[in-house]
């Protein structure tokens, strides 16, 4: 027979939510750093390529 689960306490719920938000923040930060790094590498490559053609 199905038994209802116990209610999760507010501190436990808030702790899990904060942990989830923290993980997403660092994932977003890492993605932005990698994207910026990749963009800088491409720009440097293009600039060097343009300088060689002169």
N, C-alpha and C. Protein backbone atom coordinates (compact mmCIF):
# COMPACT_ATOMS: atom_id res chain seq x y z
N UNK A 1 0.83 -1.17 0.00
CA UNK A 1 0.00 0.00 0.00
C UNK A 1 0.89 1.25 0.00
N UNK A 2 0.47 2.27 -0.73
CA UNK A 2 1.25 3.50 -0.83
C UNK A 2 1.19 4.28 0.48
N UNK A 3 2.35 4.74 0.90
CA UNK A 3 2.43 5.51 2.14
C UNK A 3 2.99 6.89 1.79
N UNK A 4 2.36 7.97 2.27
CA UNK A 4 2.88 9.30 1.97
C UNK A 4 4.25 9.53 2.59
N UNK A 5 5.09 10.25 1.88
CA UNK A 5 6.43 10.51 2.39
C UNK A 5 6.40 11.65 3.39
N UNK A 6 7.41 11.69 4.25
CA UNK A 6 7.50 12.77 5.23
C UNK A 6 7.88 14.07 4.53
N UNK A 7 7.40 15.17 5.07
CA UNK A 7 7.71 16.48 4.51
C UNK A 7 9.16 16.83 4.79
N UNK A 8 9.84 17.38 3.77
CA UNK A 8 11.23 17.80 3.94
C UNK A 8 11.24 19.13 4.70
N UNK A 9 12.13 19.23 5.66
CA UNK A 9 12.20 20.45 6.46
C UNK A 9 12.71 21.62 5.62
N UNK A 10 12.35 22.84 6.04
CA UNK A 10 12.78 24.04 5.32
C UNK A 10 14.30 24.16 5.24
N UNK A 11 15.04 23.97 6.34
CA UNK A 11 16.50 24.09 6.23
C UNK A 11 17.10 23.09 5.25
N UNK A 12 16.57 21.86 5.25
CA UNK A 12 17.09 20.85 4.33
C UNK A 12 16.78 21.23 2.88
N UNK A 13 15.55 21.71 2.65
CA UNK A 13 15.14 22.13 1.31
C UNK A 13 15.99 23.31 0.83
N UNK A 14 16.17 24.30 1.69
CA UNK A 14 16.96 25.47 1.33
C UNK A 14 18.43 25.11 1.09
N UNK A 15 18.94 24.17 1.88
CA UNK A 15 20.32 23.73 1.72
C UNK A 15 20.52 23.06 0.36
N UNK A 16 19.60 22.21 -0.01
CA UNK A 16 19.70 21.53 -1.31
C UNK A 16 19.57 22.51 -2.46
N UNK A 17 18.65 23.47 -2.31
CA UNK A 17 18.44 24.47 -3.36
C UNK A 17 19.69 25.34 -3.51
N UNK A 18 20.29 25.75 -2.39
CA UNK A 18 21.49 26.57 -2.43
C UNK A 18 22.63 25.81 -3.09
N UNK A 19 22.74 24.52 -2.79
CA UNK A 19 23.79 23.70 -3.40
C UNK A 19 23.60 23.60 -4.90
N UNK A 20 22.34 23.43 -5.34
CA UNK A 20 22.04 23.33 -6.76
C UNK A 20 22.38 24.65 -7.45
N UNK A 21 22.00 25.77 -6.83
CA UNK A 21 22.29 27.09 -7.41
C UNK A 21 23.79 27.32 -7.48
N UNK A 22 24.52 26.91 -6.44
CA UNK A 22 25.97 27.08 -6.41
C UNK A 22 26.64 26.28 -7.52
N UNK A 23 26.19 25.04 -7.73
CA UNK A 23 26.75 24.22 -8.80
C UNK A 23 26.50 24.86 -10.16
N UNK A 24 25.29 25.38 -10.36
CA UNK A 24 24.97 26.00 -11.65
C UNK A 24 25.78 27.27 -11.86
N UNK A 25 26.03 28.01 -10.79
CA UNK A 25 26.83 29.24 -10.89
C UNK A 25 28.25 28.91 -11.37
N UNK A 26 28.87 27.90 -10.77
CA UNK A 26 30.23 27.55 -11.16
C UNK A 26 30.28 26.94 -12.56
N UNK A 27 29.24 26.20 -12.95
CA UNK A 27 29.20 25.65 -14.31
C UNK A 27 29.09 26.78 -15.33
N UNK A 28 28.26 27.79 -15.00
CA UNK A 28 28.11 28.95 -15.89
C UNK A 28 29.42 29.72 -15.99
N UNK A 29 30.08 29.91 -14.85
CA UNK A 29 31.33 30.65 -14.82
C UNK A 29 32.40 29.93 -15.65
N UNK A 30 32.48 28.62 -15.51
CA UNK A 30 33.46 27.83 -16.26
C UNK A 30 33.19 27.90 -17.77
N UNK A 31 31.91 27.84 -18.14
CA UNK A 31 31.55 27.90 -19.56
C UNK A 31 31.92 29.25 -20.15
N UNK A 32 31.69 30.33 -19.40
CA UNK A 32 32.03 31.66 -19.90
C UNK A 32 33.54 31.84 -20.04
N UNK A 33 34.29 31.30 -19.09
CA UNK A 33 35.76 31.40 -19.16
C UNK A 33 36.28 30.64 -20.38
N UNK A 34 35.74 29.44 -20.60
CA UNK A 34 36.18 28.64 -21.75
C UNK A 34 35.81 29.32 -23.07
N UNK A 35 34.60 29.88 -23.13
CA UNK A 35 34.17 30.55 -24.35
C UNK A 35 35.03 31.78 -24.62
N UNK A 36 35.33 32.54 -23.58
CA UNK A 36 36.16 33.74 -23.74
C UNK A 36 37.58 33.34 -24.18
N UNK A 37 38.10 32.28 -23.60
CA UNK A 37 39.43 31.82 -23.96
C UNK A 37 39.46 31.37 -25.42
N UNK A 38 38.45 30.64 -25.82
CA UNK A 38 38.38 30.16 -27.20
C UNK A 38 38.27 31.33 -28.17
N UNK A 39 37.50 32.33 -27.80
CA UNK A 39 37.34 33.51 -28.64
C UNK A 39 38.66 34.26 -28.76
N UNK A 40 39.40 34.40 -27.67
CA UNK A 40 40.69 35.09 -27.70
C UNK A 40 41.68 34.36 -28.60
N UNK A 41 41.67 33.04 -28.52
CA UNK A 41 42.59 32.24 -29.36
C UNK A 41 42.26 32.47 -30.84
N UNK A 42 40.96 32.46 -31.17
CA UNK A 42 40.55 32.67 -32.56
C UNK A 42 40.93 34.07 -33.03
N UNK A 43 40.72 35.08 -32.17
CA UNK A 43 41.07 36.45 -32.55
C UNK A 43 42.57 36.60 -32.77
N UNK A 44 43.37 36.00 -31.89
CA UNK A 44 44.82 36.06 -32.05
C UNK A 44 45.26 35.38 -33.33
N UNK A 45 44.62 34.27 -33.67
CA UNK A 45 44.96 33.56 -34.89
C UNK A 45 44.64 34.41 -36.11
N UNK A 46 43.48 35.08 -36.08
CA UNK A 46 43.07 35.91 -37.22
C UNK A 46 44.01 37.11 -37.35
N UNK A 47 44.36 37.72 -36.24
CA UNK A 47 45.26 38.88 -36.28
C UNK A 47 46.63 38.48 -36.82
N UNK A 48 47.14 37.35 -36.36
CA UNK A 48 48.45 36.88 -36.85
C UNK A 48 48.38 36.56 -38.33
N UNK A 49 47.27 35.97 -38.76
CA UNK A 49 47.10 35.61 -40.17
C UNK A 49 47.07 36.85 -41.03
N UNK A 50 46.37 37.92 -40.54
CA UNK A 50 46.30 39.16 -41.29
C UNK A 50 47.66 39.84 -41.38
N UNK A 51 48.43 39.76 -40.31
CA UNK A 51 49.77 40.37 -40.30
C UNK A 51 50.71 39.66 -41.26
N UNK A 52 50.54 38.37 -41.44
CA UNK A 52 51.41 37.61 -42.35
C UNK A 52 51.11 37.95 -43.82
N UNK A 53 49.87 38.33 -44.13
CA UNK A 53 49.52 38.58 -45.51
C UNK A 53 50.08 39.91 -46.04
N UNK A 54 50.50 40.80 -45.16
CA UNK A 54 51.03 42.09 -45.61
C UNK A 54 52.39 41.97 -46.19
